[in-house]
N, C-alpha and C. Protein backbone atom coordinates (compact mmCIF):
# COMPACT_ATOMS: atom_id res chain seq x y z
N MET A 1 -6.49 72.81 -11.91
CA MET A 1 -6.79 71.39 -13.14
C MET A 1 -5.39 70.53 -12.55
N ILE A 2 -4.23 71.26 -12.09
CA ILE A 2 -3.23 70.14 -11.94
C ILE A 2 -3.52 69.46 -10.69
N GLU A 3 -4.24 69.88 -9.68
CA GLU A 3 -5.06 69.16 -8.67
C GLU A 3 -5.71 68.06 -9.51
N ASN A 4 -6.69 68.38 -10.31
CA ASN A 4 -7.42 67.25 -10.96
C ASN A 4 -6.73 66.33 -11.56
N VAL A 5 -5.81 66.69 -12.21
CA VAL A 5 -4.83 65.71 -13.08
C VAL A 5 -4.17 64.79 -12.05
N SER A 6 -4.16 65.66 -11.00
CA SER A 6 -2.93 64.54 -10.07
C SER A 6 -3.73 63.40 -9.31
N GLU A 7 -5.18 63.96 -9.06
CA GLU A 7 -6.34 63.23 -8.42
C GLU A 7 -6.11 61.83 -9.64
N LYS A 8 -6.79 62.18 -10.80
CA LYS A 8 -6.70 61.21 -12.04
C LYS A 8 -5.60 60.35 -11.64
N ALA A 9 -4.44 60.84 -11.97
CA ALA A 9 -3.08 60.14 -12.47
C ALA A 9 -3.08 58.66 -11.25
N VAL A 10 -3.42 59.68 -10.02
CA VAL A 10 -3.57 58.39 -8.77
C VAL A 10 -4.24 57.80 -8.88
N ALA A 11 -6.02 57.97 -9.05
CA ALA A 11 -6.71 56.89 -9.41
C ALA A 11 -6.22 56.05 -10.34
N ALA A 12 -5.63 56.39 -11.83
CA ALA A 12 -5.32 55.44 -12.71
C ALA A 12 -3.97 54.80 -12.32
N ARG A 13 -3.24 54.87 -11.35
CA ARG A 13 -2.19 54.21 -10.57
C ARG A 13 -2.67 52.73 -9.90
N ASP A 14 -3.62 53.40 -9.33
CA ASP A 14 -4.05 52.59 -7.96
C ASP A 14 -4.98 51.57 -8.78
N ASP A 15 -5.71 52.08 -9.82
CA ASP A 15 -6.57 51.00 -10.74
C ASP A 15 -5.31 50.09 -11.56
N LEU A 16 -4.84 50.50 -12.01
CA LEU A 16 -3.72 49.71 -12.81
C LEU A 16 -2.66 48.74 -12.04
N SER A 17 -2.44 49.45 -10.85
CA SER A 17 -2.19 48.69 -9.43
C SER A 17 -2.87 47.56 -9.56
N ASN A 18 -4.56 47.47 -9.12
CA ASN A 18 -5.28 46.35 -8.84
C ASN A 18 -5.19 45.54 -9.82
N LEU A 19 -5.42 46.10 -10.78
CA LEU A 19 -5.73 45.24 -12.18
C LEU A 19 -4.29 44.31 -12.60
N ILE A 20 -3.22 44.84 -12.38
CA ILE A 20 -2.07 44.09 -12.44
C ILE A 20 -2.19 43.10 -11.30
N ASP A 21 -2.13 43.26 -9.75
CA ASP A 21 -2.56 42.61 -9.37
C ASP A 21 -3.49 40.91 -9.32
N ARG A 22 -4.49 41.18 -9.69
CA ARG A 22 -5.64 40.59 -10.16
C ARG A 22 -5.44 39.67 -11.24
N ILE A 23 -4.47 40.29 -12.65
CA ILE A 23 -3.82 39.42 -13.41
C ILE A 23 -2.54 38.27 -12.91
N THR A 24 -1.78 38.81 -12.16
CA THR A 24 -0.87 38.17 -11.46
C THR A 24 -1.42 37.06 -10.50
N ALA A 25 -2.29 37.52 -9.69
CA ALA A 25 -3.24 36.11 -9.02
C ALA A 25 -3.21 35.21 -9.59
N ALA A 26 -4.32 35.85 -10.78
CA ALA A 26 -4.68 34.84 -11.85
C ALA A 26 -3.67 33.55 -12.45
N GLU A 27 -2.30 34.40 -12.86
CA GLU A 27 -1.79 33.49 -13.54
C GLU A 27 -0.82 32.51 -12.38
N ALA A 28 -0.82 33.48 -11.43
CA ALA A 28 0.34 32.31 -10.29
C ALA A 28 -1.14 31.30 -10.29
N GLU A 29 -2.55 31.23 -9.97
CA GLU A 29 -3.29 30.06 -9.57
C GLU A 29 -2.53 29.18 -11.35
N GLU A 30 -2.96 29.62 -12.07
CA GLU A 30 -2.26 28.63 -13.51
C GLU A 30 -0.98 28.17 -13.34
N ILE A 31 0.21 29.05 -12.99
CA ILE A 31 1.67 28.62 -13.16
C ILE A 31 1.49 27.78 -12.13
N THR A 32 0.80 27.45 -11.04
CA THR A 32 0.84 26.54 -9.59
C THR A 32 0.97 25.14 -10.49
N GLY A 33 -0.69 24.85 -11.45
CA GLY A 33 -1.28 23.73 -12.11
C GLY A 33 -0.23 23.12 -13.01
N LEU A 34 0.22 24.17 -13.56
CA LEU A 34 1.66 23.94 -14.70
C LEU A 34 2.73 23.75 -13.89
N VAL A 35 3.16 24.03 -13.01
CA VAL A 35 4.08 23.76 -12.76
C VAL A 35 3.85 22.07 -11.89
N GLN A 36 3.06 22.08 -11.43
CA GLN A 36 2.42 20.37 -11.09
C GLN A 36 2.53 19.57 -11.86
N SER A 37 1.91 20.00 -12.88
CA SER A 37 1.86 18.58 -14.23
C SER A 37 3.42 18.72 -15.18
N LEU A 38 4.02 19.28 -14.98
CA LEU A 38 5.25 19.54 -15.79
C LEU A 38 6.31 18.96 -15.01
N TYR A 39 6.14 19.10 -13.54
CA TYR A 39 6.90 17.98 -12.64
C TYR A 39 6.69 16.42 -12.30
N LEU A 40 5.36 16.01 -12.68
CA LEU A 40 4.60 14.60 -12.81
C LEU A 40 5.34 14.16 -14.34
N LYS A 41 5.38 15.23 -15.16
CA LYS A 41 5.77 14.95 -16.73
C LYS A 41 7.35 14.36 -16.55
N ASN A 42 7.84 15.21 -15.88
CA ASN A 42 9.48 15.13 -16.21
C ASN A 42 9.90 13.63 -14.89
N VAL A 43 8.61 13.64 -14.03
CA VAL A 43 9.36 12.43 -13.20
C VAL A 43 8.73 11.01 -14.06
N ALA A 44 7.75 11.23 -14.96
CA ALA A 44 7.53 10.19 -15.85
C ALA A 44 8.48 9.68 -16.73
N LEU A 45 9.16 10.86 -17.28
CA LEU A 45 9.67 10.68 -18.25
C LEU A 45 11.25 10.18 -17.62
N LYS A 46 11.83 10.76 -16.46
CA LYS A 46 13.00 10.23 -16.03
C LYS A 46 12.74 8.67 -15.57
N LEU A 47 11.72 8.41 -15.45
CA LEU A 47 11.26 6.71 -14.59
C LEU A 47 11.61 6.06 -16.39
N GLN A 48 11.11 6.54 -17.25
CA GLN A 48 11.08 5.26 -18.63
C GLN A 48 12.48 5.62 -19.02
N GLN A 49 13.71 6.34 -19.07
CA GLN A 49 14.65 6.66 -19.61
C GLN A 49 15.46 5.93 -18.35
N SER A 50 15.28 5.78 -17.09
CA SER A 50 16.09 5.47 -16.29
C SER A 50 16.28 3.90 -16.18
N ASP A 51 17.24 3.48 -16.24
CA ASP A 51 17.83 1.96 -16.16
C ASP A 51 17.01 1.31 -14.80
N SER A 52 17.31 2.33 -13.58
CA SER A 52 17.09 2.07 -12.41
C SER A 52 15.76 1.76 -11.79
N GLY A 53 15.16 2.44 -12.64
CA GLY A 53 13.15 2.52 -12.45
C GLY A 53 13.18 1.12 -13.32
N ASN A 54 13.28 0.82 -14.10
CA ASN A 54 12.99 -0.32 -15.07
C ASN A 54 13.91 -1.57 -14.27
N ASN A 55 14.85 -1.35 -13.96
CA ASN A 55 15.48 -2.08 -12.94
C ASN A 55 14.71 -2.64 -11.79
N LEU A 56 14.56 -1.99 -11.20
CA LEU A 56 13.63 -1.88 -10.08
C LEU A 56 12.30 -3.05 -10.16
N PHE A 57 11.71 -2.44 -11.21
CA PHE A 57 10.32 -3.50 -11.19
C PHE A 57 10.69 -4.79 -12.03
N ALA A 58 12.12 -4.68 -12.44
CA ALA A 58 12.42 -6.58 -12.85
C ALA A 58 13.10 -6.75 -11.72
N GLN A 59 13.42 -6.65 -11.13
CA GLN A 59 13.82 -7.02 -9.96
C GLN A 59 12.65 -7.58 -8.50
N LEU A 60 11.89 -6.81 -8.50
CA LEU A 60 10.65 -7.40 -7.91
C LEU A 60 10.01 -8.16 -8.66
N GLU A 61 10.11 -7.89 -9.75
CA GLU A 61 8.76 -9.22 -10.44
C GLU A 61 9.76 -10.34 -10.46
N GLU A 62 11.13 -10.41 -10.54
CA GLU A 62 11.86 -11.79 -10.10
C GLU A 62 12.43 -11.99 -8.65
N ARG A 63 11.72 -11.37 -7.37
CA ARG A 63 11.53 -11.64 -6.49
C ARG A 63 10.79 -12.30 -6.51
N ILE A 64 9.43 -11.72 -6.78
CA ILE A 64 8.43 -12.49 -6.51
C ILE A 64 7.94 -13.93 -7.35
N MET A 65 8.79 -13.74 -8.64
CA MET A 65 8.38 -14.97 -9.23
C MET A 65 9.01 -16.20 -8.37
N ALA A 66 10.35 -15.77 -7.71
CA ALA A 66 11.15 -16.80 -6.96
C ALA A 66 10.42 -16.92 -6.00
N ARG A 67 10.04 -16.23 -5.33
CA ARG A 67 8.94 -16.45 -3.79
C ARG A 67 7.68 -17.45 -4.53
N ILE A 68 7.36 -17.24 -5.29
CA ILE A 68 6.16 -18.32 -5.97
C ILE A 68 7.03 -20.04 -5.97
N ALA A 69 7.82 -19.70 -6.63
CA ALA A 69 8.32 -21.23 -6.89
C ALA A 69 9.09 -21.67 -6.20
N GLN A 70 9.53 -20.83 -4.96
CA GLN A 70 9.50 -21.51 -3.61
C GLN A 70 8.31 -22.09 -3.02
N LYS A 71 7.15 -21.60 -2.77
CA LYS A 71 6.37 -22.01 -2.36
C LYS A 71 5.78 -23.47 -3.04
N LYS A 72 6.24 -23.37 -4.70
CA LYS A 72 5.31 -24.23 -5.17
C LYS A 72 6.15 -25.81 -4.87
N GLN A 73 7.94 -25.81 -5.07
CA GLN A 73 8.23 -26.50 -4.15
C GLN A 73 7.88 -26.87 -2.79
N GLN A 74 7.52 -26.12 -1.82
CA GLN A 74 7.62 -26.77 -0.23
C GLN A 74 6.23 -27.40 -0.79
N ARG A 75 5.33 -26.97 -1.51
CA ARG A 75 4.00 -27.82 -1.48
C ARG A 75 4.07 -29.38 -2.44
N VAL A 76 5.41 -29.11 -2.86
CA VAL A 76 5.61 -30.45 -3.71
C VAL A 76 6.01 -31.50 -3.22
N GLN A 77 7.58 -31.08 -2.60
CA GLN A 77 8.17 -31.85 -1.03
C GLN A 77 6.79 -32.12 -0.26
N LEU A 78 5.92 -31.61 0.12
CA LEU A 78 5.15 -32.01 1.21
C LEU A 78 4.02 -32.99 0.93
N SER A 79 3.66 -33.00 -0.24
CA SER A 79 2.80 -34.08 -0.76
C SER A 79 3.29 -34.88 -1.27
N GLY A 80 4.52 -34.83 -1.29
CA GLY A 80 5.62 -36.01 -1.98
C GLY A 80 5.80 -36.87 -0.44
N MET A 81 6.10 -36.76 0.34
CA MET A 81 6.37 -37.04 1.85
C MET A 81 5.47 -38.47 2.09
N ASN A 82 6.27 -39.10 2.91
CA ASN A 82 5.31 -40.54 3.50
C ASN A 82 4.86 -39.93 4.70
N TRP A 83 3.73 -39.97 4.80
CA TRP A 83 3.12 -39.18 6.10
C TRP A 83 3.22 -40.73 6.93
N GLU A 84 3.52 -40.79 8.29
CA GLU A 84 3.25 -41.81 9.15
C GLU A 84 2.36 -41.96 9.81
N THR A 85 1.39 -42.46 10.29
CA THR A 85 0.50 -42.00 11.52
C THR A 85 0.61 -43.52 12.10
N THR A 86 0.70 -42.90 13.17
CA THR A 86 0.64 -44.01 14.67
C THR A 86 -0.53 -44.45 14.77
N PRO A 87 -0.46 -45.84 15.25
CA PRO A 87 -2.08 -46.54 15.33
C PRO A 87 -2.39 -46.11 16.61
N SER A 88 -3.79 -45.72 16.60
CA SER A 88 -4.67 -45.50 17.62
C SER A 88 -4.11 -46.78 19.08
N LEU A 89 -4.81 -46.22 20.03
CA LEU A 89 -5.16 -47.35 21.10
C LEU A 89 -6.65 -47.83 20.86
N PRO A 90 -6.55 -49.52 21.24
CA PRO A 90 -8.05 -50.08 20.51
C PRO A 90 -8.92 -49.67 21.86
N SER A 91 -9.84 -49.22 21.66
CA SER A 91 -10.55 -48.61 22.40
C SER A 91 -11.56 -49.51 22.66
N SER A 92 -11.83 -49.79 24.15
CA SER A 92 -12.56 -50.49 25.31
C SER A 92 -13.97 -50.97 25.06
N PRO A 93 -14.80 -51.60 24.95
CA PRO A 93 -16.20 -51.46 24.84
C PRO A 93 -16.66 -51.14 26.26
N MET A 94 -15.98 -51.06 27.36
CA MET A 94 -16.45 -50.96 28.65
C MET A 94 -15.39 -49.62 29.05
N PRO A 95 -15.87 -48.78 29.64
CA PRO A 95 -14.63 -47.23 30.33
C PRO A 95 -14.48 -48.27 31.51
N MET A 96 -12.98 -47.72 31.49
CA MET A 96 -12.28 -48.14 32.92
C MET A 96 -12.62 -47.21 34.02
N LEU A 97 -12.90 -47.85 34.85
CA LEU A 97 -13.38 -47.59 35.87
C LEU A 97 -12.91 -47.57 37.44
N SER A 98 -12.40 -46.56 38.43
CA SER A 98 -11.25 -46.12 39.02
C SER A 98 -11.37 -47.31 40.07
N PRO A 99 -10.46 -47.66 41.26
CA PRO A 99 -10.75 -48.85 41.95
C PRO A 99 -11.91 -48.56 42.76
N ASN A 100 -11.81 -47.43 43.45
CA ASN A 100 -12.87 -46.99 44.33
C ASN A 100 -14.53 -47.35 43.64
N VAL A 101 -14.79 -47.33 42.24
CA VAL A 101 -16.32 -47.87 41.68
C VAL A 101 -16.22 -48.98 41.14
N SER A 102 -17.35 -49.88 41.98
CA SER A 102 -18.07 -50.90 41.43
C SER A 102 -18.42 -51.26 40.07
N LYS A 103 -19.06 -52.27 39.68
CA LYS A 103 -19.63 -52.28 38.05
C LYS A 103 -20.81 -51.32 37.94
N ASN A 104 -21.45 -51.49 39.33
CA ASN A 104 -22.82 -50.71 39.42
C ASN A 104 -22.78 -49.58 39.22
N GLY A 105 -21.62 -48.86 39.71
CA GLY A 105 -21.46 -47.67 39.46
C GLY A 105 -21.31 -47.09 40.81
N MET A 106 -21.19 -47.91 41.79
CA MET A 106 -21.49 -47.51 43.46
C MET A 106 -20.16 -47.33 43.83
N ASN A 107 -19.70 -45.99 44.76
CA ASN A 107 -18.92 -46.19 45.36
C ASN A 107 -18.23 -46.87 46.99
N THR A 108 -17.26 -47.93 46.73
CA THR A 108 -17.48 -48.69 47.61
C THR A 108 -16.64 -48.42 48.88
N ASP A 109 -15.99 -46.85 48.64
CA ASP A 109 -15.67 -46.28 50.29
C ASP A 109 -16.44 -46.04 51.20
């Protein structure tokens, strides 16, 4: 009888150990998801509370707006310039021939 009780105790201990392993594995998966969501939540809160986070976006906005204003100013300057064009050479009705070619197109060499 002691041997029978001992076997049942060992089996119960193994079953309990397996049960605890399954429960902790399931909890560990859930905890991993909770840790990730908690981390993201805390990062979002820190960014909201932090002046540097808001300051970063404000600085970025200022830089973008300054660049846009600079581009607009350059366009205004370019459009206001007086562009001088050089007159093209007058075109001749007859193409210039090399000295070795006569008027009828034959080579005189």
